[in-house]
Full PDB file with SEQRES, HELIX, SHEET, SSBOND, CRYST1, ORIGX, SCALE, CONECT and MASTER records, all heavy atoms in Angstrom:
SEQRES   1 A   37  ARG PRO LEU GLY HIS GLY ARG GLY HIS ALA VAL ALA ILE          
SEQRES   2 A   37  ALA ARG SER ARG ASP GLY VAL ARG PHE GLU THR LEU LEU          
SEQRES   3 A   37  THR ILE PRO SER GLU GLU MET ASP ALA GLU SER                  
HELIX    1 AA1 SER A   30  MET A   33  5                                   4    
SHEET    1 AA1 2 ALA A  10  ARG A  15  0                                        
SHEET    2 AA1 2 GLU A  23  PRO A  29 -1                                        
CRYST1    1.000    1.000    1.000  90.00  90.00  90.00 P 1           1          
ORIGX1      1.000000  0.000000  0.000000        0.00000                         
ORIGX2      0.000000  1.000000  0.000000        0.00000                         
ORIGX3      0.000000  0.000000  1.000000        0.00000                         
SCALE1      1.000000  0.000000  0.000000        0.00000                         
SCALE2      0.000000  1.000000  0.000000        0.00000                         
SCALE3      0.000000  0.000000  1.000000        0.00000                         
ATOM      1  N   ARG A   1       4.760  -0.007   8.348  1.00  0.00           N  
ATOM      2  CA  ARG A   1       5.776   0.725   9.099  1.00  0.00           C  
ATOM      3  C   ARG A   1       5.778   0.184  10.529  1.00  0.00           C  
ATOM      4  O   ARG A   1       4.825  -0.471  10.944  1.00  0.00           O  
ATOM      5  CB  ARG A   1       5.445   2.217   9.124  1.00  0.00           C  
ATOM      6  CG  ARG A   1       5.520   2.883   7.766  1.00  0.00           C  
ATOM      7  CD  ARG A   1       5.099   4.340   7.863  1.00  0.00           C  
ATOM      8  NE  ARG A   1       5.187   4.992   6.575  1.00  0.00           N  
ATOM      9  CZ  ARG A   1       4.488   6.059   6.233  1.00  0.00           C  
ATOM     10  NH1 ARG A   1       3.618   6.596   7.090  1.00  0.00           N  
ATOM     11  NH2 ARG A   1       4.629   6.590   5.038  1.00  0.00           N  
ATOM     12  N   PRO A   2       6.800   0.521  11.326  1.00  0.00           N  
ATOM     13  CA  PRO A   2       6.827   0.044  12.709  1.00  0.00           C  
ATOM     14  C   PRO A   2       5.666   0.618  13.533  1.00  0.00           C  
ATOM     15  O   PRO A   2       5.091   1.656  13.188  1.00  0.00           O  
ATOM     16  CB  PRO A   2       8.158   0.560  13.247  1.00  0.00           C  
ATOM     17  CG  PRO A   2       8.978   0.913  12.054  1.00  0.00           C  
ATOM     18  CD  PRO A   2       8.007   1.263  10.969  1.00  0.00           C  
ATOM     19  N   LEU A   3       5.356  -0.060  14.645  1.00  0.00           N  
ATOM     20  CA  LEU A   3       4.365   0.469  15.586  1.00  0.00           C  
ATOM     21  C   LEU A   3       4.768   1.877  15.981  1.00  0.00           C  
ATOM     22  O   LEU A   3       5.945   2.161  16.185  1.00  0.00           O  
ATOM     23  CB  LEU A   3       4.280  -0.416  16.830  1.00  0.00           C  
ATOM     24  CG  LEU A   3       3.669  -1.792  16.636  1.00  0.00           C  
ATOM     25  CD1 LEU A   3       3.759  -2.598  17.935  1.00  0.00           C  
ATOM     26  CD2 LEU A   3       2.226  -1.696  16.182  1.00  0.00           C  
ATOM     27  N   GLY A   4       3.794   2.757  16.049  1.00  0.00           N  
ATOM     28  CA  GLY A   4       4.069   4.146  16.383  1.00  0.00           C  
ATOM     29  C   GLY A   4       4.460   5.003  15.192  1.00  0.00           C  
ATOM     30  O   GLY A   4       4.608   6.211  15.309  1.00  0.00           O  
ATOM     31  N   HIS A   5       4.628   4.375  14.024  1.00  0.00           N  
ATOM     32  CA  HIS A   5       5.010   5.112  12.808  1.00  0.00           C  
ATOM     33  C   HIS A   5       4.026   4.895  11.672  1.00  0.00           C  
ATOM     34  O   HIS A   5       4.361   5.123  10.508  1.00  0.00           O  
ATOM     35  CB  HIS A   5       6.420   4.706  12.366  1.00  0.00           C  
ATOM     36  CG  HIS A   5       7.473   5.059  13.347  1.00  0.00           C  
ATOM     37  ND1 HIS A   5       8.021   6.312  13.455  1.00  0.00           N  
ATOM     38  CD2 HIS A   5       8.056   4.310  14.321  1.00  0.00           C  
ATOM     39  CE1 HIS A   5       8.908   6.327  14.436  1.00  0.00           C  
ATOM     40  NE2 HIS A   5       8.947   5.127  14.978  1.00  0.00           N  
ATOM     41  N   GLY A   6       2.841   4.379  11.994  1.00  0.00           N  
ATOM     42  CA  GLY A   6       1.818   4.237  10.962  1.00  0.00           C  
ATOM     43  C   GLY A   6       1.365   2.826  10.674  1.00  0.00           C  
ATOM     44  O   GLY A   6       0.420   2.637   9.927  1.00  0.00           O  
ATOM     45  N   ARG A   7       2.048   1.819  11.230  1.00  0.00           N  
ATOM     46  CA  ARG A   7       1.672   0.416  10.996  1.00  0.00           C  
ATOM     47  C   ARG A   7       1.306   0.181   9.533  1.00  0.00           C  
ATOM     48  O   ARG A   7       2.066   0.495   8.643  1.00  0.00           O  
ATOM     49  CB  ARG A   7       0.525   0.006  11.923  1.00  0.00           C  
ATOM     50  CG  ARG A   7       0.973  -0.248  13.318  1.00  0.00           C  
ATOM     51  CD  ARG A   7      -0.110  -0.657  14.292  1.00  0.00           C  
ATOM     52  NE  ARG A   7      -1.108  -1.554  13.780  1.00  0.00           N  
ATOM     53  CZ  ARG A   7      -2.399  -1.475  14.095  1.00  0.00           C  
ATOM     54  NH1 ARG A   7      -2.827  -0.535  14.917  1.00  0.00           N  
ATOM     55  NH2 ARG A   7      -3.256  -2.338  13.621  1.00  0.00           N  
ATOM     56  N   GLY A   8       0.104  -0.387   9.279  1.00  0.00           N  
ATOM     57  CA  GLY A   8      -0.332  -0.638   7.904  1.00  0.00           C  
ATOM     58  C   GLY A   8      -0.859   0.655   7.304  1.00  0.00           C  
ATOM     59  O   GLY A   8      -2.062   0.891   7.268  1.00  0.00           O  
ATOM     60  N   HIS A   9       0.040   1.511   6.849  1.00  0.00           N  
ATOM     61  CA  HIS A   9      -0.343   2.863   6.428  1.00  0.00           C  
ATOM     62  C   HIS A   9      -0.951   2.928   5.031  1.00  0.00           C  
ATOM     63  O   HIS A   9      -1.548   3.946   4.662  1.00  0.00           O  
ATOM     64  CB  HIS A   9       0.842   3.818   6.538  1.00  0.00           C  
ATOM     65  CG  HIS A   9       1.932   3.536   5.556  1.00  0.00           C  
ATOM     66  ND1 HIS A   9       2.021   4.186   4.354  1.00  0.00           N  
ATOM     67  CD2 HIS A   9       2.964   2.662   5.593  1.00  0.00           C  
ATOM     68  CE1 HIS A   9       3.069   3.732   3.694  1.00  0.00           C  
ATOM     69  NE2 HIS A   9       3.661   2.804   4.426  1.00  0.00           N  
ATOM     70  N   ALA A  10      -0.844   1.837   4.246  1.00  0.00           N  
ATOM     71  CA  ALA A  10      -1.399   1.882   2.890  1.00  0.00           C  
ATOM     72  C   ALA A  10      -1.477   0.480   2.309  1.00  0.00           C  
ATOM     73  O   ALA A  10      -0.807  -0.447   2.761  1.00  0.00           O  
ATOM     74  CB  ALA A  10      -0.534   2.767   1.988  1.00  0.00           C  
ATOM     75  N   VAL A  11      -2.303   0.361   1.270  1.00  0.00           N  
ATOM     76  CA  VAL A  11      -2.355  -0.824   0.415  1.00  0.00           C  
ATOM     77  C   VAL A  11      -2.034  -0.344  -0.992  1.00  0.00           C  
ATOM     78  O   VAL A  11      -2.545   0.690  -1.433  1.00  0.00           O  
ATOM     79  CB  VAL A  11      -3.737  -1.504   0.472  1.00  0.00           C  
ATOM     80  CG1 VAL A  11      -3.927  -2.476  -0.678  1.00  0.00           C  
ATOM     81  CG2 VAL A  11      -3.915  -2.225   1.802  1.00  0.00           C  
ATOM     82  N   ALA A  12      -1.176  -1.072  -1.674  1.00  0.00           N  
ATOM     83  CA  ALA A  12      -0.811  -0.726  -3.049  1.00  0.00           C  
ATOM     84  C   ALA A  12      -1.323  -1.797  -3.996  1.00  0.00           C  
ATOM     85  O   ALA A  12      -1.438  -2.967  -3.631  1.00  0.00           O  
ATOM     86  CB  ALA A  12       0.697  -0.584  -3.179  1.00  0.00           C  
ATOM     87  N   ILE A  13      -1.632  -1.374  -5.211  1.00  0.00           N  
ATOM     88  CA  ILE A  13      -2.033  -2.285  -6.272  1.00  0.00           C  
ATOM     89  C   ILE A  13      -1.021  -2.096  -7.399  1.00  0.00           C  
ATOM     90  O   ILE A  13      -0.711  -0.968  -7.796  1.00  0.00           O  
ATOM     91  CB  ILE A  13      -3.471  -2.008  -6.766  1.00  0.00           C  
ATOM     92  CG1 ILE A  13      -4.485  -2.279  -5.643  1.00  0.00           C  
ATOM     93  CG2 ILE A  13      -3.814  -2.902  -7.938  1.00  0.00           C  
ATOM     94  CD1 ILE A  13      -4.843  -1.094  -4.840  1.00  0.00           C  
ATOM     95  N   ALA A  14      -0.492  -3.215  -7.891  1.00  0.00           N  
ATOM     96  CA  ALA A  14       0.529  -3.162  -8.940  1.00  0.00           C  
ATOM     97  C   ALA A  14       0.238  -4.234  -9.982  1.00  0.00           C  
ATOM     98  O   ALA A  14      -0.551  -5.142  -9.752  1.00  0.00           O  
ATOM     99  CB  ALA A  14       1.912  -3.377  -8.326  1.00  0.00           C  
ATOM    100  N   ARG A  15       0.909  -4.112 -11.127  1.00  0.00           N  
ATOM    101  CA  ARG A  15       0.756  -5.154 -12.152  1.00  0.00           C  
ATOM    102  C   ARG A  15       2.102  -5.436 -12.794  1.00  0.00           C  
ATOM    103  O   ARG A  15       3.004  -4.611 -12.791  1.00  0.00           O  
ATOM    104  CB  ARG A  15      -0.328  -4.783 -13.141  1.00  0.00           C  
ATOM    105  CG  ARG A  15       0.071  -3.991 -14.321  1.00  0.00           C  
ATOM    106  CD  ARG A  15      -1.090  -3.889 -15.328  1.00  0.00           C  
ATOM    107  NE  ARG A  15      -1.338  -2.500 -15.610  1.00  0.00           N  
ATOM    108  CZ  ARG A  15      -2.540  -1.941 -15.714  1.00  0.00           C  
ATOM    109  NH1 ARG A  15      -3.613  -2.657 -15.565  1.00  0.00           N  
ATOM    110  NH2 ARG A  15      -2.663  -0.686 -15.974  1.00  0.00           N  
ATOM    111  N   SER A  16       2.175  -6.658 -13.362  1.00  0.00           N  
ATOM    112  CA  SER A  16       3.432  -7.133 -13.939  1.00  0.00           C  
ATOM    113  C   SER A  16       3.138  -8.051 -15.113  1.00  0.00           C  
ATOM    114  O   SER A  16       2.133  -8.763 -15.123  1.00  0.00           O  
ATOM    115  CB  SER A  16       4.216  -7.904 -12.873  1.00  0.00           C  
ATOM    116  OG  SER A  16       5.334  -8.549 -13.423  1.00  0.00           O  
ATOM    117  N   ARG A  17       4.027  -8.066 -16.072  1.00  0.00           N  
ATOM    118  CA  ARG A  17       3.931  -9.029 -17.173  1.00  0.00           C  
ATOM    119  C   ARG A  17       4.688 -10.315 -16.842  1.00  0.00           C  
ATOM    120  O   ARG A  17       4.350 -11.373 -17.332  1.00  0.00           O  
ATOM    121  CB  ARG A  17       4.506  -8.431 -18.459  1.00  0.00           C  
ATOM    122  CG  ARG A  17       3.679  -7.286 -18.991  1.00  0.00           C  
ATOM    123  CD  ARG A  17       4.005  -6.980 -20.433  1.00  0.00           C  
ATOM    124  NE  ARG A  17       3.195  -5.883 -20.915  1.00  0.00           N  
ATOM    125  CZ  ARG A  17       1.918  -5.977 -21.252  1.00  0.00           C  
ATOM    126  NH1 ARG A  17       1.301  -7.115 -21.156  1.00  0.00           N  
ATOM    127  NH2 ARG A  17       1.252  -4.920 -21.684  1.00  0.00           N  
ATOM    128  N   ASP A  18       5.712 -10.205 -15.974  1.00  0.00           N  
ATOM    129  CA  ASP A  18       6.568 -11.363 -15.713  1.00  0.00           C  
ATOM    130  C   ASP A  18       6.524 -11.879 -14.275  1.00  0.00           C  
ATOM    131  O   ASP A  18       7.157 -12.876 -13.956  1.00  0.00           O  
ATOM    132  CB  ASP A  18       8.014 -11.053 -16.102  1.00  0.00           C  
ATOM    133  CG  ASP A  18       8.627  -9.912 -15.303  1.00  0.00           C  
ATOM    134  OD1 ASP A  18       8.013  -9.439 -14.321  1.00  0.00           O  
ATOM    135  OD2 ASP A  18       9.743  -9.479 -15.660  1.00  0.00           O  
ATOM    136  N   GLY A  19       5.795 -11.216 -13.395  1.00  0.00           N  
ATOM    137  CA  GLY A  19       5.714 -11.651 -12.006  1.00  0.00           C  
ATOM    138  C   GLY A  19       6.924 -11.280 -11.175  1.00  0.00           C  
ATOM    139  O   GLY A  19       7.020 -11.663 -10.016  1.00  0.00           O  
ATOM    140  N   VAL A  20       7.832 -10.506 -11.753  1.00  0.00           N  
ATOM    141  CA  VAL A  20       9.044 -10.089 -11.043  1.00  0.00           C  
ATOM    142  C   VAL A  20       9.113  -8.567 -10.932  1.00  0.00           C  
ATOM    143  O   VAL A  20       9.344  -8.020  -9.866  1.00  0.00           O  
ATOM    144  CB  VAL A  20      10.314 -10.633 -11.743  1.00  0.00           C  
ATOM    145  CG1 VAL A  20      11.576 -10.110 -11.073  1.00  0.00           C  
ATOM    146  CG2 VAL A  20      10.295 -12.150 -11.756  1.00  0.00           C  
ATOM    147  N   ARG A  21       8.907  -7.887 -12.049  1.00  0.00           N  
ATOM    148  CA  ARG A  21       8.957  -6.420 -12.079  1.00  0.00           C  
ATOM    149  C   ARG A  21       7.525  -5.884 -12.074  1.00  0.00           C  
ATOM    150  O   ARG A  21       6.778  -6.123 -13.029  1.00  0.00           O  
ATOM    151  CB  ARG A  21       9.722  -5.943 -13.306  1.00  0.00           C  
ATOM    152  CG  ARG A  21      11.204  -6.296 -13.240  1.00  0.00           C  
ATOM    153  CD  ARG A  21      11.931  -5.916 -14.525  1.00  0.00           C  
ATOM    154  NE  ARG A  21      11.457  -6.673 -15.692  1.00  0.00           N  
ATOM    155  CZ  ARG A  21      11.873  -7.892 -16.022  1.00  0.00           C  
ATOM    156  NH1 ARG A  21      12.768  -8.493 -15.289  1.00  0.00           N  
ATOM    157  NH2 ARG A  21      11.403  -8.500 -17.090  1.00  0.00           N  
ATOM    158  N   PHE A  22       7.167  -5.163 -11.008  1.00  0.00           N  
ATOM    159  CA  PHE A  22       5.807  -4.655 -10.837  1.00  0.00           C  
ATOM    160  C   PHE A  22       5.762  -3.141 -10.974  1.00  0.00           C  
ATOM    161  O   PHE A  22       6.650  -2.437 -10.488  1.00  0.00           O  
ATOM    162  CB  PHE A  22       5.252  -5.066  -9.465  1.00  0.00           C  
ATOM    163  CG  PHE A  22       4.818  -6.496  -9.420  1.00  0.00           C  
ATOM    164  CD1 PHE A  22       5.725  -7.500  -9.154  1.00  0.00           C  
ATOM    165  CD2 PHE A  22       3.499  -6.841  -9.666  1.00  0.00           C  
ATOM    166  CE1 PHE A  22       5.347  -8.831  -9.129  1.00  0.00           C  
ATOM    167  CE2 PHE A  22       3.105  -8.166  -9.643  1.00  0.00           C  
ATOM    168  CZ  PHE A  22       4.022  -9.164  -9.371  1.00  0.00           C  
ATOM    169  N   GLU A  23       4.724  -2.676 -11.644  1.00  0.00           N  
ATOM    170  CA  GLU A  23       4.449  -1.253 -11.800  1.00  0.00           C  
ATOM    171  C   GLU A  23       3.302  -0.911 -10.851  1.00  0.00           C  
ATOM    172  O   GLU A  23       2.219  -1.504 -10.931  1.00  0.00           O  
ATOM    173  CB  GLU A  23       4.031  -0.976 -13.244  1.00  0.00           C  
ATOM    174  CG  GLU A  23       3.380   0.355 -13.456  1.00  0.00           C  
ATOM    175  CD  GLU A  23       2.611   0.448 -14.783  1.00  0.00           C  
ATOM    176  OE1 GLU A  23       2.366  -0.581 -15.436  1.00  0.00           O  
ATOM    177  OE2 GLU A  23       2.229   1.572 -15.115  1.00  0.00           O  
ATOM    178  N   THR A  24       3.524   0.045  -9.946  1.00  0.00           N  
ATOM    179  CA  THR A  24       2.467   0.462  -9.027  1.00  0.00           C  
ATOM    180  C   THR A  24       1.410   1.245  -9.788  1.00  0.00           C  
ATOM    181  O   THR A  24       1.715   2.195 -10.501  1.00  0.00           O  
ATOM    182  CB  THR A  24       3.040   1.325  -7.882  1.00  0.00           C  
ATOM    183  OG1 THR A  24       4.029   0.564  -7.190  1.00  0.00           O  
ATOM    184  CG2 THR A  24       1.946   1.752  -6.915  1.00  0.00           C  
ATOM    185  N   LEU A  25       0.174   0.816  -9.658  1.00  0.00           N  
ATOM    186  CA  LEU A  25      -0.954   1.477 -10.310  1.00  0.00           C  
ATOM    187  C   LEU A  25      -1.621   2.488  -9.390  1.00  0.00           C  
ATOM    188  O   LEU A  25      -2.092   3.528  -9.839  1.00  0.00           O  
ATOM    189  CB  LEU A  25      -2.005   0.437 -10.722  1.00  0.00           C  
ATOM    190  CG  LEU A  25      -1.555  -0.672 -11.654  1.00  0.00           C  
ATOM    191  CD1 LEU A  25      -2.672  -1.681 -11.841  1.00  0.00           C  
ATOM    192  CD2 LEU A  25      -1.114  -0.083 -12.984  1.00  0.00           C  
ATOM    193  N   LEU A  26      -1.674   2.135  -8.115  1.00  0.00           N  
ATOM    194  CA  LEU A  26      -2.474   2.916  -7.174  1.00  0.00           C  
ATOM    195  C   LEU A  26      -2.029   2.596  -5.763  1.00  0.00           C  
ATOM    196  O   LEU A  26      -1.677   1.445  -5.470  1.00  0.00           O  
ATOM    197  CB  LEU A  26      -3.951   2.523  -7.351  1.00  0.00           C  
ATOM    198  CG  LEU A  26      -4.990   3.112  -6.426  1.00  0.00           C  
ATOM    199  CD1 LEU A  26      -5.172   4.594  -6.721  1.00  0.00           C  
ATOM    200  CD2 LEU A  26      -6.319   2.390  -6.611  1.00  0.00           C  
ATOM    201  N   THR A  27      -2.044   3.590  -4.900  1.00  0.00           N  
ATOM    202  CA  THR A  27      -1.811   3.387  -3.476  1.00  0.00           C  
ATOM    203  C   THR A  27      -3.004   3.972  -2.732  1.00  0.00           C  
ATOM    204  O   THR A  27      -3.405   5.104  -2.997  1.00  0.00           O  
ATOM    205  CB  THR A  27      -0.508   4.057  -3.017  1.00  0.00           C  
ATOM    206  OG1 THR A  27       0.577   3.517  -3.780  1.00  0.00           O  
ATOM    207  CG2 THR A  27      -0.242   3.811  -1.548  1.00  0.00           C  
ATOM    208  N   ILE A  28      -3.561   3.176  -1.823  1.00  0.00           N  
ATOM    209  CA  ILE A  28      -4.707   3.618  -1.019  1.00  0.00           C  
ATOM    210  C   ILE A  28      -4.208   3.822   0.408  1.00  0.00           C  
ATOM    211  O   ILE A  28      -3.915   2.857   1.118  1.00  0.00           O  
ATOM    212  CB  ILE A  28      -5.837   2.568  -1.042  1.00  0.00           C  
ATOM    213  CG1 ILE A  28      -6.295   2.311  -2.479  1.00  0.00           C  
ATOM    214  CG2 ILE A  28      -6.996   3.006  -0.153  1.00  0.00           C  
ATOM    215  CD1 ILE A  28      -7.235   1.122  -2.629  1.00  0.00           C  
ATOM    216  N   PRO A  29      -4.091   5.075   0.860  1.00  0.00           N  
ATOM    217  CA  PRO A  29      -3.640   5.339   2.226  1.00  0.00           C  
ATOM    218  C   PRO A  29      -4.716   4.986   3.254  1.00  0.00           C  
ATOM    219  O   PRO A  29      -5.914   5.080   2.965  1.00  0.00           O  
ATOM    220  CB  PRO A  29      -3.377   6.848   2.241  1.00  0.00           C  
ATOM    221  CG  PRO A  29      -3.442   7.295   0.826  1.00  0.00           C  
ATOM    222  CD  PRO A  29      -4.260   6.295   0.078  1.00  0.00           C  
ATOM    223  N   SER A  30      -4.289   4.610   4.448  1.00  0.00           N  
ATOM    224  CA  SER A  30      -5.239   4.257   5.510  1.00  0.00           C  
ATOM    225  C   SER A  30      -6.171   5.431   5.839  1.00  0.00           C  
ATOM    226  O   SER A  30      -7.343   5.211   6.161  1.00  0.00           O  
ATOM    227  CB  SER A  30      -4.501   3.794   6.763  1.00  0.00           C  
ATOM    228  OG  SER A  30      -3.608   4.789   7.226  1.00  0.00           O  
ATOM    229  N   GLU A  31      -5.685   6.650   5.709  1.00  0.00           N  
ATOM    230  CA  GLU A  31      -6.531   7.822   5.998  1.00  0.00           C  
ATOM    231  C   GLU A  31      -7.752   7.880   5.073  1.00  0.00           C  
ATOM    232  O   GLU A  31      -8.829   8.273   5.492  1.00  0.00           O  
ATOM    233  CB  GLU A  31      -5.730   9.133   5.845  1.00  0.00           C  
ATOM    234  CG  GLU A  31      -4.589   9.291   6.822  1.00  0.00           C  
ATOM    235  CD  GLU A  31      -3.311   8.574   6.372  1.00  0.00           C  
ATOM    236  OE1 GLU A  31      -3.215   8.146   5.207  1.00  0.00           O  
ATOM    237  OE2 GLU A  31      -2.421   8.433   7.217  1.00  0.00           O  
ATOM    238  N   GLU A  32      -7.579   7.478   3.821  1.00  0.00           N  
ATOM    239  CA  GLU A  32      -8.693   7.522   2.878  1.00  0.00           C  
ATOM    240  C   GLU A  32      -9.731   6.439   3.157  1.00  0.00           C  
ATOM    241  O   GLU A  32     -10.849   6.506   2.646  1.00  0.00           O  
ATOM    242  CB  GLU A  32      -8.180   7.420   1.441  1.00  0.00           C  
ATOM    243  CG  GLU A  32      -7.450   8.671   1.007  1.00  0.00           C  
ATOM    244  CD  GLU A  32      -7.060   8.642  -0.457  1.00  0.00           C  
ATOM    245  OE1 GLU A  32      -7.659   7.888  -1.254  1.00  0.00           O  
ATOM    246  OE2 GLU A  32      -6.138   9.394  -0.803  1.00  0.00           O  
ATOM    247  N   MET A  33      -9.356   5.447   3.969  1.00  0.00           N  
ATOM    248  CA  MET A  33     -10.298   4.394   4.362  1.00  0.00           C  
ATOM    249  C   MET A  33     -10.794   4.621   5.787  1.00  0.00           C  
ATOM    250  O   MET A  33     -11.481   3.787   6.347  1.00  0.00           O  
ATOM    251  CB  MET A  33      -9.628   3.017   4.259  1.00  0.00           C  
ATOM    252  CG  MET A  33      -9.254   2.619   2.848  1.00  0.00           C  
ATOM    253  SD  MET A  33     -10.641   2.548   1.698  1.00  0.00           S  
ATOM    254  CE  MET A  33     -11.615   1.235   2.408  1.00  0.00           C  
ATOM    255  N   ASP A  34     -10.446   5.783   6.381  1.00  0.00           N  
ATOM    256  CA  ASP A  34     -10.789   6.099   7.771  1.00  0.00           C  
ATOM    257  C   ASP A  34     -10.389   4.941   8.678  1.00  0.00           C  
ATOM    258  O   ASP A  34     -11.170   4.462   9.499  1.00  0.00           O  
ATOM    259  CB  ASP A  34     -12.274   6.429   7.923  1.00  0.00           C  
ATOM    260  CG  ASP A  34     -12.596   7.009   9.290  1.00  0.00           C  
ATOM    261  OD1 ASP A  34     -11.682   7.587   9.922  1.00  0.00           O  
ATOM    262  OD2 ASP A  34     -13.740   6.857   9.754  1.00  0.00           O  
ATOM    263  N   ALA A  35      -9.145   4.471   8.511  1.00  0.00           N  
ATOM    264  CA  ALA A  35      -8.643   3.323   9.262  1.00  0.00           C  
ATOM    265  C   ALA A  35      -7.339   3.687   9.962  1.00  0.00           C  
ATOM    266  O   ALA A  35      -6.505   4.402   9.405  1.00  0.00           O  
ATOM    267  CB  ALA A  35      -8.413   2.141   8.327  1.00  0.00           C  
ATOM    268  N   GLU A  36      -7.174   3.166  11.161  1.00  0.00           N  
ATOM    269  CA  GLU A  36      -5.915   3.346  11.874  1.00  0.00           C  
ATOM    270  C   GLU A  36      -4.804   2.549  11.201  1.00  0.00           C  
ATOM    271  O   GLU A  36      -3.651   2.953  11.178  1.00  0.00           O  
ATOM    272  CB  GLU A  36      -6.085   2.899  13.323  1.00  0.00           C  
ATOM    273  CG  GLU A  36      -4.879   3.167  14.188  1.00  0.00           C  
ATOM    274  CD  GLU A  36      -5.144   2.817  15.635  1.00  0.00           C  
ATOM    275  OE1 GLU A  36      -6.139   3.297  16.202  1.00  0.00           O  
ATOM    276  OE2 GLU A  36      -4.335   2.049  16.193  1.00  0.00           O  
ATOM    277  N   SER A  37      -5.177   1.392  10.628  1.00  0.00           N  
ATOM    278  CA  SER A  37      -4.222   0.528   9.946  1.00  0.00           C  
ATOM    279  C   SER A  37      -4.972  -0.302   8.918  1.00  0.00           C  
ATOM    280  O   SER A  37      -6.164  -0.577   9.092  1.00  0.00           O  
ATOM    281  CB  SER A  37      -3.532  -0.391  10.967  1.00  0.00           C  
ATOM    282  OG  SER A  37      -2.579  -1.224  10.337  1.00  0.00           O  
TER     283      SER A  37                                                      
MASTER        0    0    0    1    2    0    0    6  282    1    0    3          
END                                                                             
């Protein structure tokens, strides 16, 4: 997100069979990592 709106607010993990259409498996928010970004 933009500065002042959370920056790197999360990391997502996804998987795909074709490398084009991805299914999100999990999102790790920065708060759960005790990280500002």
